[in-house]
């Protein structure tokens, strides 16, 4: 992982900022990630095949915790 590069080949300094609130998150910033070798790239691709992304359960919590009935 290293700094991103602009169209002229200059490194872009990461501007790190955090969202406000009880649960803070780092805001998006430019970066460059490259695998060390094709072997490692294949490993990452295989993990995505073996363990595909799934929807989380947060939507169920939102319904239970933040419904109008729960607030009353």
N, C-alpha and C. Protein backbone atom coordinates (compact mmCIF):
# COMPACT_ATOMS: atom_id res chain seq x y z
N UNK A 1 0.86 -1.17 0.00
CA UNK A 1 0.00 0.00 0.00
C UNK A 1 0.90 1.22 0.00
N UNK A 2 0.56 2.16 -0.87
CA UNK A 2 1.34 3.39 -0.92
C UNK A 2 0.45 4.55 -1.35
N UNK A 3 1.05 5.72 -1.38
CA UNK A 3 0.29 6.92 -1.76
C UNK A 3 -0.17 6.82 -3.20
N UNK A 4 -1.33 7.40 -3.46
CA UNK A 4 -1.84 7.46 -4.83
C UNK A 4 -1.01 8.46 -5.63
N UNK A 5 -1.10 8.34 -6.95
CA UNK A 5 -0.35 9.22 -7.84
C UNK A 5 -1.34 9.93 -8.76
N UNK A 6 -1.13 11.23 -8.98
CA UNK A 6 -2.02 11.98 -9.87
C UNK A 6 -1.61 11.78 -11.33
N UNK A 7 -2.29 12.44 -12.25
CA UNK A 7 -2.04 12.29 -13.67
C UNK A 7 -0.64 12.69 -14.12
N UNK A 8 0.03 13.50 -13.34
CA UNK A 8 1.40 13.93 -13.67
C UNK A 8 2.46 13.05 -13.01
N UNK A 9 2.03 12.06 -12.24
CA UNK A 9 2.98 11.18 -11.57
C UNK A 9 3.41 11.65 -10.20
N UNK A 10 2.78 12.71 -9.69
CA UNK A 10 3.10 13.22 -8.35
C UNK A 10 2.30 12.47 -7.30
N UNK A 11 2.95 12.16 -6.18
CA UNK A 11 2.25 11.49 -5.09
C UNK A 11 1.20 12.42 -4.50
N UNK A 12 0.07 11.85 -4.13
CA UNK A 12 -1.01 12.60 -3.50
C UNK A 12 -0.94 12.34 -2.00
N UNK A 13 -0.77 13.39 -1.24
CA UNK A 13 -0.74 13.25 0.22
C UNK A 13 -2.14 12.90 0.71
N UNK A 14 -2.22 11.91 1.58
CA UNK A 14 -3.51 11.50 2.13
C UNK A 14 -4.04 12.58 3.06
N UNK A 15 -5.27 13.00 2.83
CA UNK A 15 -5.94 13.97 3.70
C UNK A 15 -6.88 13.17 4.59
N UNK A 16 -6.41 12.81 5.76
CA UNK A 16 -7.18 11.96 6.66
C UNK A 16 -8.13 12.83 7.47
N UNK A 17 -9.42 12.49 7.42
CA UNK A 17 -10.41 13.15 8.26
C UNK A 17 -11.40 12.11 8.74
N UNK A 18 -12.05 12.41 9.82
CA UNK A 18 -12.94 11.45 10.48
C UNK A 18 -14.34 12.03 10.54
N UNK A 19 -15.33 11.16 10.35
CA UNK A 19 -16.72 11.60 10.44
C UNK A 19 -17.07 11.87 11.90
N UNK A 20 -17.93 12.85 12.16
CA UNK A 20 -18.34 13.12 13.54
C UNK A 20 -19.35 12.09 14.01
N UNK A 21 -19.54 12.01 15.31
CA UNK A 21 -20.57 11.14 15.85
C UNK A 21 -20.01 10.15 16.85
N UNK A 22 -20.93 9.36 17.42
CA UNK A 22 -20.54 8.36 18.41
C UNK A 22 -19.65 7.28 17.80
N UNK A 23 -19.97 6.89 16.58
CA UNK A 23 -19.15 5.90 15.88
C UNK A 23 -18.48 6.62 14.72
N UNK A 24 -17.20 6.90 14.88
CA UNK A 24 -16.46 7.65 13.87
C UNK A 24 -15.90 6.70 12.81
N UNK A 25 -15.83 7.20 11.58
CA UNK A 25 -15.26 6.45 10.47
C UNK A 25 -14.28 7.36 9.74
N UNK A 26 -13.22 6.78 9.22
CA UNK A 26 -12.30 7.56 8.40
C UNK A 26 -12.96 7.78 7.05
N UNK A 27 -12.92 9.03 6.58
CA UNK A 27 -13.48 9.34 5.26
C UNK A 27 -12.55 8.79 4.18
N UNK A 28 -13.12 8.58 2.99
CA UNK A 28 -12.33 8.06 1.87
C UNK A 28 -11.17 8.99 1.53
N UNK A 29 -10.07 8.39 1.10
CA UNK A 29 -8.92 9.15 0.63
C UNK A 29 -8.23 8.33 -0.46
N UNK A 30 -7.43 9.00 -1.27
CA UNK A 30 -6.76 8.33 -2.39
C UNK A 30 -5.62 7.45 -1.88
N UNK A 31 -5.49 6.25 -2.45
CA UNK A 31 -4.40 5.33 -2.11
C UNK A 31 -4.16 4.39 -3.28
N UNK A 32 -3.09 3.62 -3.20
CA UNK A 32 -2.73 2.68 -4.25
C UNK A 32 -2.33 1.36 -3.59
N UNK A 33 -3.03 0.30 -3.91
CA UNK A 33 -2.72 -1.02 -3.37
C UNK A 33 -2.43 -1.96 -4.53
N UNK A 34 -1.30 -2.62 -4.46
CA UNK A 34 -0.93 -3.61 -5.48
C UNK A 34 -0.41 -4.85 -4.77
N UNK A 35 -0.80 -6.04 -5.24
CA UNK A 35 -0.28 -7.27 -4.62
C UNK A 35 1.22 -7.41 -4.89
N UNK A 36 1.89 -8.11 -3.99
CA UNK A 36 3.34 -8.30 -4.13
C UNK A 36 3.68 -9.17 -5.33
N UNK A 37 2.77 -10.07 -5.67
CA UNK A 37 3.01 -10.95 -6.82
C UNK A 37 1.68 -11.45 -7.35
N UNK A 38 1.70 -12.07 -8.52
CA UNK A 38 0.49 -12.65 -9.10
C UNK A 38 -0.04 -13.78 -8.22
N UNK A 39 0.84 -14.47 -7.52
CA UNK A 39 0.44 -15.55 -6.60
C UNK A 39 -0.48 -14.99 -5.51
N UNK A 40 -0.13 -13.85 -4.93
CA UNK A 40 -0.96 -13.24 -3.89
C UNK A 40 -2.25 -12.69 -4.47
N UNK A 41 -2.20 -12.16 -5.68
CA UNK A 41 -3.42 -11.68 -6.34
C UNK A 41 -4.39 -12.84 -6.56
N UNK A 42 -3.88 -13.99 -6.98
CA UNK A 42 -4.72 -15.18 -7.16
C UNK A 42 -5.32 -15.63 -5.84
N UNK A 43 -4.56 -15.55 -4.76
CA UNK A 43 -5.06 -15.92 -3.43
C UNK A 43 -6.24 -15.04 -3.04
N UNK A 44 -6.13 -13.75 -3.25
CA UNK A 44 -7.22 -12.83 -2.92
C UNK A 44 -8.45 -13.12 -3.77
N UNK A 45 -8.25 -13.37 -5.06
CA UNK A 45 -9.37 -13.70 -5.94
C UNK A 45 -10.06 -14.98 -5.48
N UNK A 46 -9.29 -15.97 -5.05
CA UNK A 46 -9.87 -17.24 -4.61
C UNK A 46 -10.68 -17.06 -3.33
N UNK A 47 -10.21 -16.22 -2.42
CA UNK A 47 -10.97 -15.95 -1.19
C UNK A 47 -12.31 -15.33 -1.53
N UNK A 48 -12.34 -14.42 -2.50
CA UNK A 48 -13.61 -13.81 -2.92
C UNK A 48 -14.56 -14.84 -3.52
N UNK A 49 -14.03 -15.83 -4.20
CA UNK A 49 -14.86 -16.89 -4.77
C UNK A 49 -15.37 -17.82 -3.67
N UNK A 50 -14.47 -18.23 -2.77
CA UNK A 50 -14.84 -19.17 -1.70
C UNK A 50 -15.74 -18.55 -0.64
N UNK A 51 -15.60 -17.26 -0.40
CA UNK A 51 -16.35 -16.57 0.66
C UNK A 51 -16.92 -15.26 0.12
N UNK A 52 -17.95 -15.33 -0.72
CA UNK A 52 -18.50 -14.10 -1.32
C UNK A 52 -19.14 -13.20 -0.25
N UNK A 53 -19.20 -11.90 -0.58
CA UNK A 53 -19.82 -10.93 0.33
C UNK A 53 -21.29 -11.28 0.51
N UNK A 54 -21.77 -11.09 1.73
CA UNK A 54 -23.18 -11.32 2.04
C UNK A 54 -23.72 -10.08 2.73
N UNK A 55 -25.03 -9.92 2.67
CA UNK A 55 -25.64 -8.82 3.40
C UNK A 55 -25.51 -9.06 4.90
N UNK A 56 -25.28 -7.99 5.63
CA UNK A 56 -25.20 -8.09 7.08
C UNK A 56 -26.58 -8.09 7.70
N UNK A 57 -26.64 -8.19 9.01
CA UNK A 57 -27.91 -8.23 9.74
C UNK A 57 -28.33 -6.87 10.28
N UNK A 58 -27.60 -5.82 9.96
CA UNK A 58 -27.90 -4.49 10.49
C UNK A 58 -29.31 -4.05 10.15
N UNK A 59 -29.82 -4.46 9.00
CA UNK A 59 -31.17 -4.05 8.60
C UNK A 59 -32.22 -4.55 9.59
N UNK A 60 -31.98 -5.69 10.22
CA UNK A 60 -32.92 -6.21 11.22
C UNK A 60 -32.86 -5.37 12.49
N UNK A 61 -31.68 -4.94 12.88
CA UNK A 61 -31.55 -4.09 14.06
C UNK A 61 -32.24 -2.76 13.85
N UNK A 62 -32.07 -2.18 12.67
CA UNK A 62 -32.72 -0.90 12.38
C UNK A 62 -34.22 -1.01 12.54
N UNK A 63 -34.81 -2.08 12.05
CA UNK A 63 -36.26 -2.26 12.15
C UNK A 63 -36.70 -2.36 13.60
N UNK A 64 -35.96 -3.08 14.43
CA UNK A 64 -36.34 -3.30 15.83
C UNK A 64 -36.04 -2.08 16.70
N UNK A 65 -34.88 -1.49 16.53
CA UNK A 65 -34.45 -0.41 17.43
C UNK A 65 -34.99 0.96 17.06
N UNK A 66 -35.21 1.19 15.78
CA UNK A 66 -35.54 2.54 15.34
C UNK A 66 -36.95 2.68 14.78
N UNK A 67 -37.79 1.69 15.01
CA UNK A 67 -39.16 1.81 14.53
C UNK A 67 -39.93 2.77 15.44
N UNK A 68 -41.03 3.31 14.95
CA UNK A 68 -41.83 4.26 15.73
C UNK A 68 -42.40 3.58 16.98
N UNK A 69 -42.76 2.31 16.88
CA UNK A 69 -43.30 1.59 18.04
C UNK A 69 -42.25 1.47 19.14
N UNK A 70 -41.01 1.21 18.77
CA UNK A 70 -39.95 1.04 19.76
C UNK A 70 -39.67 2.34 20.51
N UNK A 71 -39.88 3.49 19.86
CA UNK A 71 -39.62 4.79 20.50
C UNK A 71 -40.75 5.21 21.42
N UNK A 72 -41.94 4.68 21.22
CA UNK A 72 -43.10 5.12 22.00
C UNK A 72 -43.07 4.61 23.42
